Every structure is written in C-alpha cells, then in structure tokens.
C-alpha cells in the first residue's frame, strides 16, 4: 500500500516565492521600459576595443627615374619683412568748451473740463449724484441702451443724468412713460433754459 504525501508550502515559503515572482516581473518591466540600463552588462561582457596605432605615411623619395617632387622637398615660402610702424607726433588737443543751454520753465497747463452746453427743452431726470463718476456710470449704461443722455452739473454741485431734450412737455411725458416701461426706472421731467 502506497502512501501519498500531500506537501503544503509553509507561509514563509509562499512569501518567498511571491517575492521572487514580483521582483522578476518588475525587472522585466524595467528592462522593457528602460533597455539602456541593461546595456552596461553587455558592455562588460564585450571585448575591449584597443585603439589602433597611428603610423606615419611613408613619403616617396625622389629617384633619378622620377621627375616629380615630393611635398617634403617643396621649400617653405619666405616671409616678407615686417614694415616699420609709423609714429605720428602728438599734437596738443584744443579744450572743448561746454555749450550752455537755456532752461525754459514750462508753465503747467491745466485743461479745463468741457462744459456741456445743453439745448433748451424738457428732459427726463433719472438721477443726481455728488460724484461725477457715478453720474457718468449711469449715463454710460443708458447710452449703451440707445438713449440720448446728458450730464447736467447744477449750481449746488450735483451731477444730474438727463435724457432728452424734447420740445414740449407732452413729448417729455411720453418719453418718461417709455423709460419707465423699458427700464423700470422712475424719473421726473425737468425744463431747461439756457440761462
């Protein structure tokens, strides 16, 4: 009667086998990705190339039967003697006088802001601001929407944003209703005379 033995690897043996398999796979992948790393091994195993000695070529000598001259027999060209340097006498330099320039003081120029001349008539006022930049911001928004906008500076320093002018009050009221329906913004009618 034969007795079969079942061999089972221990935990340590399994771990060692898995470690070797894992390392082999990693080395194979590296060899595929970076083959130049493994060229070092082939360079070690290959024979060393010895440099070949350089020998001078044998130059032919002149024989009686040959009417040719070898390059070794050609005489070197003679160099021309150097030309003597010409020395010029030193002359005294005339002193340069500095040119005097006139400095003209520039008067600071101030550009007065253009005063917008408003045509007489009826306008719809949509806002008044202490700062002109805020009034200009509203005016720019209204201009982009296609309205004819003016900024009127009042005597108290306020900057009013006006749309218009219209020649009659009824036209201005119609304009006010149109503005309110399109922009949802309230305003009021102002009459302007050139005074």
Protein backbone atom coordinates (compact mmCIF):
# COMPACT_ATOMS: atom_id res chain seq x y z
CA UNK A 1 0.00 0.00 0.00
CA UNK A 2 1.42 3.24 -1.13
CA UNK A 3 1.01 6.26 0.97
CA UNK A 4 0.57 9.63 -0.76
CA UNK A 5 2.05 12.62 0.94
CA UNK A 6 0.48 15.93 0.46
CA UNK A 7 3.13 18.58 0.61
CA UNK A 8 1.97 22.03 1.51
CA UNK A 9 4.24 25.08 1.48
CA UNK A 10 4.60 26.96 4.69
CA UNK A 11 3.69 30.62 4.94
CA UNK A 12 7.33 31.71 4.73
CA UNK A 13 7.92 29.64 1.59
CA UNK A 14 4.86 31.16 -0.03
CA UNK A 15 6.02 34.64 0.78
CA UNK A 16 9.48 33.98 -0.64
CA UNK A 17 8.01 32.55 -3.85
CA UNK A 18 5.70 35.54 -4.28
CA UNK A 19 8.58 37.96 -3.59
CA UNK A 20 10.78 36.34 -6.28
CA UNK A 21 7.91 36.37 -8.79
CA UNK A 22 7.17 40.01 -8.05
CA UNK A 23 10.85 41.01 -8.43
CA UNK A 24 11.13 39.12 -11.72
CA UNK A 25 8.07 40.89 -13.11
CA UNK A 26 9.39 44.31 -12.01
CA UNK A 27 12.83 43.67 -13.58
CA UNK A 28 11.17 42.54 -16.81
CA UNK A 29 9.02 45.68 -16.97
CA UNK A 30 12.05 47.90 -16.29
CA UNK A 31 14.03 46.11 -19.00
CA UNK A 32 11.21 46.79 -21.47
CA UNK A 33 10.81 50.44 -20.46
CA UNK A 34 14.49 51.35 -19.97
CA UNK A 35 16.68 48.98 -22.02
CA UNK A 36 19.69 51.32 -21.83
CA UNK A 37 20.06 50.46 -18.13
CA UNK A 38 20.89 46.91 -19.07
CA UNK A 39 23.45 47.81 -21.77
CA UNK A 40 26.04 48.06 -19.04
CA UNK A 41 26.02 44.27 -18.73
CA UNK A 42 26.65 43.78 -22.43
CA UNK A 43 29.46 46.34 -22.34
CA UNK A 44 31.18 44.42 -19.53
CA UNK A 45 30.99 41.14 -21.42
CA UNK A 46 32.12 42.55 -24.77
CA UNK A 47 35.84 42.67 -25.57
CA UNK A 48 37.64 45.95 -25.03
CA UNK A 49 38.46 47.79 -28.24
CA UNK A 50 42.12 48.65 -28.41
CA UNK A 51 42.93 51.82 -30.32
CA UNK A 52 44.87 51.13 -33.47
CA UNK A 53 48.29 52.77 -33.53
CA UNK A 54 48.64 55.63 -35.97
CA UNK A 55 51.57 55.28 -38.29
CA UNK A 56 53.08 57.97 -40.42
CA UNK A 57 52.54 57.52 -44.10
CA UNK A 58 55.66 56.70 -45.99
CA UNK A 59 56.57 59.58 -48.26
CA UNK A 60 58.01 58.73 -51.60
CA UNK A 61 61.57 59.82 -52.18
CA UNK A 62 62.90 61.34 -55.34
CA UNK A 63 64.58 58.93 -57.59
CA UNK A 64 66.51 59.57 -60.70
CA UNK A 65 63.88 57.98 -62.85
CA UNK A 66 61.06 60.16 -61.47
CA UNK A 67 60.74 63.83 -62.39
CA UNK A 68 58.33 64.62 -59.57
CA UNK A 69 58.94 66.49 -56.34
CA UNK A 70 57.53 65.22 -53.10
CA UNK A 71 55.77 67.61 -50.69
CA UNK A 72 58.62 67.23 -48.23
CA UNK A 73 61.03 68.72 -50.78
CA UNK A 74 58.98 71.87 -51.51
CA UNK A 75 60.68 74.83 -49.85
CA UNK A 76 58.60 76.90 -47.43
CA UNK A 77 57.60 80.37 -48.73
CA UNK A 78 59.70 83.20 -47.43
CA UNK A 79 58.01 85.66 -45.15
CA UNK A 80 58.11 89.35 -46.05
CA UNK A 81 59.99 91.51 -43.56
CA UNK A 82 57.71 93.44 -41.21
CA UNK A 83 57.03 97.05 -42.14
CA UNK A 84 58.22 99.60 -39.60
CA UNK A 85 55.49 101.31 -37.60
CA UNK A 86 54.93 104.97 -38.35
CA UNK A 87 54.85 107.10 -35.24
CA UNK A 88 52.78 110.26 -35.56
CA UNK A 89 53.74 113.28 -33.50
CA UNK A 90 51.37 114.11 -30.65
CA UNK A 91 49.59 117.40 -31.15
CA UNK A 92 48.03 119.30 -28.30
CA UNK A 93 44.28 118.98 -28.22
CA UNK A 94 42.18 122.10 -28.05
CA UNK A 95 39.95 122.24 -24.99
CA UNK A 96 36.26 121.86 -25.67
CA UNK A 97 34.07 124.46 -24.06
CA UNK A 98 30.71 123.21 -22.88
CA UNK A 99 27.70 124.62 -24.64
CA UNK A 100 25.38 126.42 -22.33
CA UNK A 101 21.75 125.56 -22.74
CA UNK A 102 18.88 127.68 -21.65
CA UNK A 103 16.30 126.02 -19.49
CA UNK A 104 12.90 127.35 -20.23
CA UNK A 105 10.46 126.72 -17.45
CA UNK A 106 7.27 125.28 -18.79
CA UNK A 107 4.09 126.59 -17.39
CA UNK A 108 1.83 123.85 -16.18
CA UNK A 109 -1.14 123.60 -18.43
CA UNK A 110 -4.44 122.73 -16.93
CA UNK A 111 -7.14 121.56 -19.19
CA UNK A 112 -10.45 122.92 -18.12
CA UNK A 113 -13.21 120.37 -18.39
CA UNK A 114 -15.50 120.97 -21.30
CA UNK A 115 -18.74 122.44 -20.20
CA UNK A 116 -21.53 120.70 -21.96
CA UNK A 117 -23.98 123.11 -23.44
CA UNK A 118 -27.45 121.71 -23.08
CA UNK A 119 -30.10 122.58 -25.59
CA UNK A 120 -33.19 124.20 -24.12
CA UNK A 121 -36.21 121.94 -23.71
CA UNK A 122 -37.72 119.28 -21.49
CA UNK A 123 -35.61 116.45 -20.09
CA UNK A 124 -36.33 113.34 -18.05
CA UNK A 125 -34.05 113.23 -14.98
CA UNK A 126 -33.18 109.72 -13.79
CA UNK A 127 -30.72 110.52 -11.03
CA UNK A 128 -28.43 113.12 -9.42
CA UNK A 129 -25.09 112.30 -7.77
CA UNK A 130 -22.44 114.07 -5.68
CA UNK A 131 -19.69 112.30 -7.62
CA UNK A 132 -19.44 112.84 -11.35
CA UNK A 133 -18.04 109.32 -11.84
CA UNK A 134 -21.26 107.76 -10.55
CA UNK A 135 -23.33 110.01 -12.82
CA UNK A 136 -21.08 109.04 -15.75
CA UNK A 137 -21.57 105.35 -14.93
CA UNK A 138 -25.36 105.66 -15.15
CA UNK A 139 -25.05 107.75 -18.31
CA UNK A 140 -22.86 105.10 -19.94
CA UNK A 141 -25.39 102.36 -19.12
CA UNK A 142 -28.21 104.40 -20.65
CA UNK A 143 -26.14 105.24 -23.75
CA UNK A 144 -25.47 101.54 -24.34
CA UNK A 145 -29.23 101.02 -24.38
CA UNK A 146 -29.62 103.67 -27.09
CA UNK A 147 -30.78 106.74 -25.16
CA UNK A 148 -29.53 110.29 -25.75
CA UNK A 149 -28.02 111.10 -22.33
CA UNK A 150 -26.61 114.34 -20.92
CA UNK A 151 -24.99 115.11 -17.56
CA UNK A 152 -26.02 118.50 -16.17
CA UNK A 153 -23.98 120.00 -13.34
CA UNK A 154 -26.23 122.05 -11.07
CA UNK A 155 -25.27 125.09 -9.00
CA UNK A 156 -25.27 123.05 -5.79
CA UNK A 157 -22.56 120.73 -7.27
CA UNK A 158 -24.86 117.79 -8.01
CA UNK A 159 -24.48 115.97 -11.33
CA UNK A 160 -27.88 115.15 -12.84
CA UNK A 161 -28.40 112.48 -15.51
CA UNK A 162 -30.90 113.66 -18.11
CA UNK A 163 -32.42 112.00 -21.17
CA UNK A 164 -33.71 114.25 -23.92
CA UNK A 165 -34.38 117.02 -24.86
CA UNK A 166 -37.95 117.17 -26.05
CA UNK A 167 -39.52 120.38 -27.30
CA UNK A 168 -42.87 120.00 -25.49
CA UNK A 169 -43.89 118.74 -22.08
CA UNK A 170 -46.25 116.15 -23.59
CA UNK A 171 -43.37 114.64 -25.59
CA UNK A 172 -41.32 114.55 -22.37
CA UNK A 173 -44.18 112.78 -20.53
CA UNK A 174 -44.37 110.18 -23.31
CA UNK A 175 -40.58 109.72 -23.01
CA UNK A 176 -40.93 109.30 -19.22
CA UNK A 177 -43.56 106.54 -19.69
CA UNK A 178 -41.37 104.78 -22.28
CA UNK A 179 -38.35 104.89 -19.96
CA UNK A 180 -40.40 103.54 -17.06
CA UNK A 181 -41.82 100.68 -19.14
CA UNK A 182 -38.45 99.65 -20.65
CA UNK A 183 -36.04 100.30 -17.77
CA UNK A 184 -38.38 100.02 -14.77
CA UNK A 185 -36.78 103.21 -13.51
CA UNK A 186 -38.64 106.20 -12.12
CA UNK A 187 -37.76 109.73 -13.10
CA UNK A 188 -39.26 113.17 -13.44
CA UNK A 189 -39.47 115.94 -16.04
CA UNK A 190 -37.12 118.95 -15.87
CA UNK A 191 -37.34 122.06 -18.03
CA UNK A 192 -34.02 123.59 -19.02
CA UNK A 193 -33.46 127.07 -20.40
CA UNK A 194 -30.09 128.49 -21.40
CA UNK A 195 -29.64 130.95 -18.54
